[in-house]
Protein backbone atom coordinates (compact mmCIF):
# COMPACT_ATOMS: atom_id res chain seq x y z
CA MET A 1 162.66 -50.37 194.17
CA ARG A 2 160.18 -47.54 194.19
CA ASP A 3 161.08 -44.73 196.52
CA ASN A 4 158.06 -42.39 197.22
CA ARG A 5 160.06 -39.62 198.43
CA LYS A 6 161.88 -39.49 195.11
CA ILE A 7 158.55 -39.56 193.07
CA LYS A 8 157.59 -36.44 195.14
CA LYS A 9 160.88 -34.62 194.49
CA ASN A 10 161.24 -35.65 190.98
CA PHE A 11 157.55 -34.65 190.06
CA PHE A 12 157.87 -31.29 191.69
CA ARG A 13 161.25 -30.72 189.97
CA LEU A 14 159.49 -31.66 186.37
CA VAL A 15 156.71 -29.04 187.35
CA GLN A 16 159.32 -26.40 188.11
CA ILE A 17 161.22 -26.92 184.79
CA MET A 18 157.87 -26.37 183.13
CA ASP A 19 157.29 -23.37 185.12
CA ARG A 20 160.62 -21.93 184.06
CA LEU A 21 160.24 -22.71 180.36
CA ARG A 22 156.84 -20.81 180.42
CA ALA A 23 158.23 -18.02 182.21
CA PRO A 24 158.95 -14.66 180.69
CA GLU A 25 162.68 -15.15 180.66
CA GLY A 26 162.07 -18.78 179.44
CA CYS A 27 161.99 -20.59 176.11
CA PRO A 28 160.57 -18.70 173.18
CA TRP A 29 159.17 -21.84 171.71
CA ASP A 30 157.52 -23.27 174.77
CA ARG A 31 156.04 -19.91 175.50
CA LYS A 32 154.55 -19.64 171.94
CA GLN A 33 152.58 -22.92 172.33
CA SER A 34 148.81 -23.05 172.92
CA VAL A 35 146.39 -25.65 174.05
CA GLU A 36 145.62 -26.51 170.49
CA THR A 37 149.15 -27.29 169.60
CA VAL A 38 150.10 -28.97 172.64
CA LYS A 39 146.95 -31.30 172.07
CA ASN A 40 148.42 -32.32 168.84
CA TYR A 41 151.73 -33.24 170.59
CA LEU A 42 149.77 -35.24 173.19
CA LEU A 43 148.28 -37.44 170.72
CA GLU A 44 151.49 -38.07 168.88
CA GLU A 45 153.38 -38.92 172.14
CA THR A 46 150.67 -41.33 173.08
CA TYR A 47 151.09 -43.34 170.09
CA GLU A 48 154.85 -43.26 170.54
CA VAL A 49 154.32 -44.90 173.94
CA VAL A 50 151.93 -47.42 172.25
CA ALA A 51 154.77 -48.15 169.57
CA ALA A 52 157.35 -48.71 172.13
CA VAL A 53 155.20 -51.07 174.26
CA GLU A 54 154.65 -53.10 171.02
CA ASP A 55 158.28 -53.14 170.29
CA ASN A 56 158.69 -54.82 173.84
CA ASN A 57 161.36 -52.10 174.53
CA PRO A 58 161.33 -51.02 178.30
CA GLY A 59 163.94 -48.32 178.06
CA GLN A 60 161.85 -46.67 175.04
CA VAL A 61 158.59 -47.10 177.14
CA CYS A 62 160.14 -45.39 180.00
CA GLU A 63 161.36 -42.53 177.69
CA GLU A 64 158.24 -42.14 176.02
CA LEU A 65 156.19 -42.02 179.13
CA GLY A 66 158.38 -39.32 180.15
CA ASP A 67 157.44 -37.13 177.22
CA LEU A 68 153.93 -38.05 177.68
CA LEU A 69 153.89 -36.95 181.48
CA PHE A 70 155.88 -33.73 180.38
CA LEU A 71 153.11 -32.79 177.93
CA ILE A 72 150.41 -33.44 180.61
CA ILE A 73 152.08 -30.98 183.02
CA PHE A 74 152.55 -28.63 180.13
CA LEU A 75 148.93 -28.58 179.41
CA SER A 76 147.82 -28.36 182.97
CA LEU A 77 150.26 -25.31 183.26
CA MET A 78 148.46 -23.64 180.32
CA TYR A 79 145.27 -24.00 182.07
CA GLU A 80 146.59 -22.73 185.36
CA GLU A 81 147.62 -19.58 183.80
CA PRO A 82 144.05 -18.19 183.56
CA GLU A 83 143.35 -19.83 186.70
CA ALA A 84 140.98 -22.67 185.21
CA PHE A 85 142.86 -25.57 187.21
CA ASN A 86 146.31 -26.67 188.01
CA ILE A 87 148.12 -29.93 188.15
CA ASN A 88 147.34 -30.42 191.81
CA ASP A 89 143.67 -30.29 190.77
CA VAL A 90 144.08 -32.83 188.26
CA MET A 91 145.85 -35.40 190.63
CA GLU A 92 143.11 -34.77 193.14
CA SER A 93 140.19 -35.18 190.71
CA VAL A 94 141.62 -38.43 189.03
CA SER A 95 142.31 -40.07 192.70
CA ALA A 96 138.92 -39.25 193.91
CA LYS A 97 137.61 -40.55 190.64
CA ILE A 98 139.36 -43.83 191.04
CA ILE A 99 138.49 -44.32 194.57
CA ARG A 100 134.81 -43.64 193.91
CA ARG A 101 134.72 -46.13 191.01
CA HIS A 102 136.35 -48.89 192.95
CA PRO A 103 133.80 -49.28 196.10
CA HIS A 104 134.78 -52.87 196.21
CA VAL A 105 138.46 -52.00 197.11
CA PHE A 106 138.11 -48.69 198.83
CA GLY A 107 134.63 -49.27 200.59
CA ALA A 108 132.46 -52.25 201.75
CA GLU A 109 131.11 -53.51 198.49
CA ARG A 110 131.79 -56.86 197.03
CA VAL A 111 132.14 -58.30 193.48
CA ALA A 112 132.21 -61.66 191.84
CA GLY A 113 134.91 -60.72 189.40
CA ALA A 114 136.21 -58.64 186.71
CA GLU A 115 133.09 -58.54 184.47
CA GLU A 116 130.98 -57.10 187.44
CA VAL A 117 133.87 -54.47 188.10
CA ARG A 118 133.49 -53.33 184.62
CA ASP A 119 129.62 -53.15 184.51
CA ARG A 120 129.74 -51.29 187.90
CA TRP A 121 132.37 -48.86 186.58
CA HIS A 122 130.03 -48.02 183.58
CA LYS A 123 126.95 -47.59 185.72
CA ILE A 124 128.95 -45.48 188.33
CA LYS A 125 130.06 -43.30 185.05
CA ARG A 126 126.53 -42.89 183.95
CA GLU A 127 125.44 -41.92 187.45
CA GLU A 128 128.10 -39.27 187.62
CA ALA A 129 127.04 -37.79 184.14
CA ARG A 130 123.43 -37.75 185.24
CA GLN A 131 124.37 -35.77 188.69
CA ARG A 132 126.29 -33.33 186.34
CA GLY A 133 123.34 -32.96 184.08
CA GLU A 134 125.29 -34.44 181.10
CA GLU A 135 122.85 -37.48 180.38
CA GLY A 136 122.89 -38.03 176.60
CA SER A 137 123.75 -40.82 174.22
CA PHE A 138 124.24 -44.19 175.67
CA PHE A 139 127.70 -44.13 174.13
CA ALA A 140 128.72 -40.78 175.44
CA SER A 141 131.65 -42.52 177.53
CA VAL A 142 133.24 -43.49 174.14
CA PRO A 143 135.30 -40.34 173.11
CA ARG A 144 134.55 -39.32 169.58
CA ASN A 145 138.09 -38.65 168.55
CA LEU A 146 139.23 -42.16 169.21
CA PRO A 147 140.61 -43.79 165.94
CA ALA A 148 137.65 -45.04 164.02
CA LEU A 149 138.34 -48.78 164.33
CA LEU A 150 138.81 -48.48 168.18
CA ARG A 151 135.76 -46.23 168.59
CA ALA A 152 133.80 -48.73 166.48
CA GLN A 153 134.92 -51.74 168.63
CA ARG A 154 134.25 -49.76 172.07
CA ILE A 155 130.64 -48.89 170.68
CA GLY A 156 129.97 -52.55 169.63
CA ALA A 157 131.08 -53.62 173.11
CA ARG A 158 129.15 -51.19 174.93
CA ALA A 159 125.93 -52.18 172.81
CA ALA A 160 126.74 -55.91 173.43
CA ARG A 161 126.41 -55.38 177.08
CA THR A 162 122.75 -54.55 176.72
CA GLY A 163 122.06 -57.89 174.84
CA PHE A 164 122.04 -55.97 171.57
CA ASP A 165 124.60 -58.26 169.74
CA TRP A 166 125.05 -61.14 167.40
CA GLU A 167 124.85 -64.62 169.14
CA ASN A 168 128.23 -65.68 167.89
CA ALA A 169 130.79 -65.16 165.41
CA GLY A 170 129.08 -67.30 162.97
CA SER A 171 126.09 -64.88 162.87
CA VAL A 172 128.45 -61.97 162.19
CA TRP A 173 129.98 -63.94 159.25
CA GLU A 174 126.42 -64.13 157.80
CA LYS A 175 125.93 -60.35 158.29
CA LEU A 176 129.40 -59.62 156.60
CA ASP A 177 128.32 -61.76 153.67
CA GLU A 178 125.06 -59.40 153.46
CA GLU A 179 126.96 -56.30 153.77
CA LEU A 180 129.58 -57.31 151.12
CA SER A 181 126.65 -58.11 148.56
CA GLU A 182 125.12 -54.82 149.47
CA LEU A 183 128.35 -53.13 148.75
CA LYS A 184 128.79 -54.89 145.28
CA GLU A 185 125.33 -53.63 144.41
CA ALA A 186 126.19 -50.22 145.43
CA CYS A 187 129.42 -50.37 143.19
CA ASN A 188 127.41 -51.71 140.23
CA ARG A 189 125.02 -48.72 140.43
CA ASN A 190 128.04 -46.49 140.78
CA ASN A 191 126.64 -44.15 143.38
CA PRO A 192 129.34 -42.61 145.40
CA THR A 193 127.31 -41.89 148.62
CA HIS A 194 125.66 -45.47 148.84
CA ILE A 195 129.13 -46.85 148.24
CA SER A 196 130.48 -45.01 150.91
CA ASP A 197 127.68 -45.75 153.29
CA GLU A 198 128.04 -49.64 152.51
CA MET A 199 131.84 -49.58 152.88
CA GLY A 200 131.27 -48.19 156.10
CA ASP A 201 128.79 -50.91 156.99
CA VAL A 202 131.29 -53.55 155.80
CA LEU A 203 134.17 -52.00 158.10
CA PHE A 204 131.87 -51.87 161.11
CA THR A 205 130.77 -55.49 160.72
CA LEU A 206 134.47 -56.41 160.44
CA VAL A 207 135.26 -54.73 163.65
CA ASN A 208 132.30 -56.60 165.36
CA LEU A 209 133.58 -59.70 163.90
CA SER A 210 136.99 -58.98 165.54
CA ARG A 211 135.41 -58.32 168.69
CA HIS A 212 133.84 -61.79 168.61
CA LEU A 213 136.87 -63.32 167.85
CA HIS A 214 138.43 -61.65 170.68
CA ILE A 215 140.72 -59.39 168.38
CA ASN A 216 141.62 -55.74 168.78
CA ALA A 217 140.70 -54.46 165.31
CA GLU A 218 143.04 -51.41 165.67
CA GLU A 219 145.81 -53.05 166.86
CA ALA A 220 145.50 -55.76 164.22
CA LEU A 221 145.25 -53.36 161.44
CA ARG A 222 148.17 -51.26 162.84
CA LEU A 223 150.46 -54.41 163.05
CA THR A 224 149.57 -55.29 159.50
CA VAL A 225 150.47 -51.85 158.23
CA ASP A 226 153.91 -52.19 160.11
CA ARG A 227 154.41 -55.48 158.40
CA PHE A 228 153.45 -54.29 155.03
CA ILE A 229 156.00 -51.56 155.50
CA ARG A 230 158.61 -53.86 156.45
CA ARG A 231 158.18 -56.07 153.63
CA PHE A 232 157.89 -53.25 151.01
CA ASP A 233 161.25 -51.72 152.20
CA GLU A 234 162.77 -55.24 151.93
CA MET A 235 161.29 -55.68 148.26
CA ARG A 236 162.22 -52.22 147.27
CA SER A 237 165.97 -52.90 148.79
CA THR A 238 166.10 -56.21 147.07
CA LEU A 239 165.14 -54.93 143.55
CA GLU A 240 167.25 -51.62 143.64
CA LYS A 241 170.53 -53.53 144.35
CA ASP A 242 171.00 -53.39 140.49
CA GLY A 243 170.87 -49.68 140.64
CA ARG A 244 167.38 -49.08 139.06
CA PRO A 245 164.55 -47.26 140.87
CA LEU A 246 161.74 -49.32 142.02
CA GLU A 247 159.55 -47.34 139.51
CA GLU A 248 161.41 -48.95 136.48
CA PHE A 249 160.39 -52.55 137.69
CA THR A 250 157.21 -54.38 136.43
CA LEU A 251 154.37 -55.38 138.52
CA GLU A 252 155.24 -58.88 137.84
CA GLU A 253 158.83 -58.48 138.80
CA MET A 254 157.63 -56.79 142.21
CA ASP A 255 155.24 -59.52 142.93
CA ALA A 256 157.83 -62.16 142.59
CA VAL A 257 160.20 -60.63 145.01
CA TRP A 258 157.30 -59.79 147.38
CA GLU A 259 156.29 -63.41 147.57
CA LYS A 260 159.99 -64.34 148.52
CA VAL A 261 159.85 -61.29 151.17
CA LYS A 262 156.69 -62.61 152.90
CA ASP A 263 158.45 -65.77 153.76
CA SER A 264 161.11 -64.00 155.67
CA VAL A 265 159.84 -60.65 156.97
């Protein structure tokens, strides 16, 4: 059962720990870090949280969330040092934002369902950007630094909400066939720039096909890569049992074991 008093106590303790680490008599490594270095660690820890969730390991999720929380406090303290903002500003800002974007919960508005909530959320975000004088691209709310597949799917979904979309998955299949033909033509002409452009079009169309099939393209590819690694490692382990390194086996020998491994891994 959650104890709100403990939450307050433990959060403050974590902030104090970070203060101690960054103090003049603190840890040399922590004192050496900059916003740029911590930014990279923040991204790594986020992916480790995702991996723990996908492994369905609650204990690991708890640990990785702790690491991520620590880095959020770490980064906040770095901005506090030049008096830009502090962790309290972060919490006040996000609390106000969540309340503001949920008028159907914290206000008198009513909604018909989750789809309307999502549409209102984006409408409120656009209005907030307009008030800050940050009106720009229709897709400005989609972070540029997202992994490419995830960003492409978010962009496609945003465009689709305006009606700019294929009618169904069958229409996307037709577009994919068209883009593949254009890629083959570019390859035949041996124009690297054209090939790169057409490959991008194929990938973007595949992401939109995933969206129409209700598949998260980023997650699907990540799981496929993980599966490939497991199968490859099992194939290598099987072949190297006789003492020879993997590089000494023929492609045909590797393929034969690979097909067997696919049935069990």
